[in-house]
Amino acid sequence: MLQNQAINATNYNELCNMYSKYFSNVVKSQGVPHLNADQFVRYQNIIALEYFINLIKKIGVSHSLFGHVSKAEKNLERLTKKLSPEELLQEIIELSY
């Protein structure tokens, strides 16, 4: 069973690109993980949400986009459960079997 070591809220925003970077490094070093369809979609959604959040933050969050960024951050938190990248990938792999 995985040990749930949650990332605290202050560190979480700083780690917004951490999952994509970690997943990329794992694929480069170990190959593509074998995931079922549900976990593959989860994996891809995490990467897409991180990209969206970082893109909007880089160009500057206007008042009209703030709600979209906030919703994306909440979805990212829901998908990752605030687990570390290592724990999250382990959970995704375990749930695929």
C-alpha atoms as a PDB file:
ATOM      1  CA  MET A   1       0.000   0.000   0.000  1.00  0.00           C
ATOM      2  CA  LEU A   2       1.209   3.493  -0.801  1.00  0.00           C
ATOM      3  CA  GLN A   3       2.101   5.843   1.968  1.00  0.00           C
ATOM      4  CA  ASN A   4       0.144   9.064   1.373  1.00  0.00           C
ATOM      5  CA  GLN A   5       2.658  11.827   1.820  1.00  0.00           C
ATOM      6  CA  ALA A   6       0.640  14.842   0.779  1.00  0.00           C
ATOM      7  CA  ILE A   7       2.344  17.889  -0.615  1.00  0.00           C
ATOM      8  CA  ASN A   8       1.367  20.945   1.394  1.00  0.00           C
ATOM      9  CA  ALA A   9      -0.523  23.718  -0.385  1.00  0.00           C
ATOM     10  CA  THR A  10       2.353  26.207  -0.461  1.00  0.00           C
ATOM     11  CA  ASN A  11       4.694  23.742  -2.119  1.00  0.00           C
ATOM     12  CA  TYR A  12       1.985  22.401  -4.433  1.00  0.00           C
ATOM     13  CA  ASN A  13       1.788  25.518  -6.602  1.00  0.00           C
ATOM     14  CA  GLU A  14       5.572  25.536  -6.936  1.00  0.00           C
ATOM     15  CA  LEU A  15       5.480  21.938  -8.162  1.00  0.00           C
ATOM     16  CA  CYS A  16       2.941  22.484 -10.925  1.00  0.00           C
ATOM     17  CA  ASN A  17       5.314  21.280 -13.628  1.00  0.00           C
ATOM     18  CA  MET A  18       6.895  18.642 -11.434  1.00  0.00           C
ATOM     19  CA  TYR A  19       4.647  15.769 -12.557  1.00  0.00           C
ATOM     20  CA  SER A  20       5.304  16.311 -16.268  1.00  0.00           C
ATOM     21  CA  LYS A  21       9.046  16.564 -15.714  1.00  0.00           C
ATOM     22  CA  TYR A  22       9.099  13.451 -13.550  1.00  0.00           C
ATOM     23  CA  PHE A  23       6.945  11.432 -15.978  1.00  0.00           C
ATOM     24  CA  SER A  24       9.177  12.518 -18.865  1.00  0.00           C
ATOM     25  CA  ASN A  25      12.343  11.462 -17.033  1.00  0.00           C
ATOM     26  CA  VAL A  26      10.842   8.070 -16.155  1.00  0.00           C
ATOM     27  CA  VAL A  27       9.811   7.432 -19.758  1.00  0.00           C
ATOM     28  CA  LYS A  28      13.287   8.381 -21.000  1.00  0.00           C
ATOM     29  CA  SER A  29      15.063   6.165 -18.475  1.00  0.00           C
ATOM     30  CA  GLN A  30      12.654   3.218 -18.052  1.00  0.00           C
ATOM     31  CA  GLY A  31      10.367   3.314 -21.064  1.00  0.00           C
ATOM     32  CA  VAL A  32       6.640   3.901 -21.292  1.00  0.00           C
ATOM     33  CA  PRO A  33       4.716   2.473 -18.327  1.00  0.00           C
ATOM     34  CA  HIS A  34       1.974  -0.049 -19.056  1.00  0.00           C
ATOM     35  CA  LEU A  35      -1.274   1.669 -18.077  1.00  0.00           C
ATOM     36  CA  ASN A  36      -4.914   0.776 -18.493  1.00  0.00           C
ATOM     37  CA  ALA A  37      -7.149   3.204 -20.384  1.00  0.00           C
ATOM     38  CA  ASP A  38      -8.442   5.031 -17.274  1.00  0.00           C
ATOM     39  CA  GLN A  39      -4.985   5.605 -15.820  1.00  0.00           C
ATOM     40  CA  PHE A  40      -3.579   6.619 -19.221  1.00  0.00           C
ATOM     41  CA  VAL A  41      -6.285   9.284 -19.489  1.00  0.00           C
ATOM     42  CA  ARG A  42      -5.485  10.438 -15.939  1.00  0.00           C
ATOM     43  CA  TYR A  43      -1.755  10.603 -16.797  1.00  0.00           C
ATOM     44  CA  GLN A  44      -2.461  12.647 -19.944  1.00  0.00           C
ATOM     45  CA  ASN A  45      -4.899  14.968 -18.153  1.00  0.00           C
ATOM     46  CA  ILE A  46      -2.274  15.748 -15.509  1.00  0.00           C
ATOM     47  CA  ILE A  47       0.239  16.689 -18.199  1.00  0.00           C
ATOM     48  CA  ALA A  48      -2.321  18.797 -20.086  1.00  0.00           C
ATOM     49  CA  LEU A  49      -3.467  20.623 -16.947  1.00  0.00           C
ATOM     50  CA  GLU A  50       0.103  21.406 -15.922  1.00  0.00           C
ATOM     51  CA  TYR A  51       0.805  22.782 -19.398  1.00  0.00           C
ATOM     52  CA  PHE A  52      -2.355  24.934 -19.339  1.00  0.00           C
ATOM     53  CA  ILE A  53      -1.698  26.306 -15.852  1.00  0.00           C
ATOM     54  CA  ASN A  54       1.935  27.123 -16.603  1.00  0.00           C
ATOM     55  CA  LEU A  55       1.106  28.714 -19.960  1.00  0.00           C
ATOM     56  CA  ILE A  56      -1.555  31.003 -18.481  1.00  0.00           C
ATOM     57  CA  LYS A  57       0.692  31.945 -15.554  1.00  0.00           C
ATOM     58  CA  LYS A  58       3.588  32.759 -17.914  1.00  0.00           C
ATOM     59  CA  ILE A  59       1.493  35.088 -20.061  1.00  0.00           C
ATOM     60  CA  GLY A  60      -0.157  36.601 -17.007  1.00  0.00           C
ATOM     61  CA  VAL A  61      -3.469  35.758 -15.438  1.00  0.00           C
ATOM     62  CA  SER A  62      -6.102  38.292 -16.278  1.00  0.00           C
ATOM     63  CA  HIS A  63      -9.255  38.619 -14.195  1.00  0.00           C
ATOM     64  CA  SER A  64     -11.270  36.845 -16.907  1.00  0.00           C
ATOM     65  CA  LEU A  65      -8.915  33.825 -16.922  1.00  0.00           C
ATOM     66  CA  PHE A  66      -8.502  33.521 -13.160  1.00  0.00           C
ATOM     67  CA  GLY A  67     -11.545  31.266 -12.821  1.00  0.00           C
ATOM     68  CA  HIS A  68     -10.247  28.905 -15.503  1.00  0.00           C
ATOM     69  CA  VAL A  69      -6.830  28.662 -13.847  1.00  0.00           C
ATOM     70  CA  SER A  70      -8.387  28.102 -10.442  1.00  0.00           C
ATOM     71  CA  LYS A  71     -10.613  25.336 -11.834  1.00  0.00           C
ATOM     72  CA  ALA A  72      -7.634  23.734 -13.595  1.00  0.00           C
ATOM     73  CA  GLU A  73      -5.600  23.812 -10.368  1.00  0.00           C
ATOM     74  CA  LYS A  74      -8.452  22.153  -8.467  1.00  0.00           C
ATOM     75  CA  ASN A  75      -8.732  19.468 -11.159  1.00  0.00           C
ATOM     76  CA  LEU A  76      -4.984  18.895 -10.985  1.00  0.00           C
ATOM     77  CA  GLU A  77      -5.168  18.547  -7.200  1.00  0.00           C
ATOM     78  CA  ARG A  78      -8.039  16.052  -7.577  1.00  0.00           C
ATOM     79  CA  LEU A  79      -6.161  13.965 -10.146  1.00  0.00           C
ATOM     80  CA  THR A  80      -2.850  13.964  -8.270  1.00  0.00           C
ATOM     81  CA  LYS A  81      -4.289  13.772  -4.752  1.00  0.00           C
ATOM     82  CA  LYS A  82      -1.315  16.011  -3.908  1.00  0.00           C
ATOM     83  CA  LEU A  83       0.931  12.955  -3.970  1.00  0.00           C
ATOM     84  CA  SER A  84       4.587  13.348  -4.841  1.00  0.00           C
ATOM     85  CA  PRO A  85       5.357  12.555  -8.505  1.00  0.00           C
ATOM     86  CA  GLU A  86       6.961   9.260  -7.475  1.00  0.00           C
ATOM     87  CA  GLU A  87       3.979   8.181  -5.375  1.00  0.00           C
ATOM     88  CA  LEU A  88       1.518   9.282  -8.037  1.00  0.00           C
ATOM     89  CA  LEU A  89       3.188   7.304 -10.804  1.00  0.00           C
ATOM     90  CA  GLN A  90       3.381   4.266  -8.529  1.00  0.00           C
ATOM     91  CA  GLU A  91      -0.342   4.574  -7.776  1.00  0.00           C
ATOM     92  CA  ILE A  92      -1.201   4.975 -11.471  1.00  0.00           C
ATOM     93  CA  ILE A  93       0.805   1.859 -12.323  1.00  0.00           C
ATOM     94  CA  GLU A  94      -0.713  -0.156  -9.446  1.00  0.00           C
ATOM     95  CA  LEU A  95      -4.249   0.856 -10.460  1.00  0.00           C
ATOM     96  CA  SER A  96      -3.546  -0.324 -13.994  1.00  0.00           C
ATOM     97  CA  TYR A  97      -3.247  -3.962 -12.887  1.00  0.00           C
END
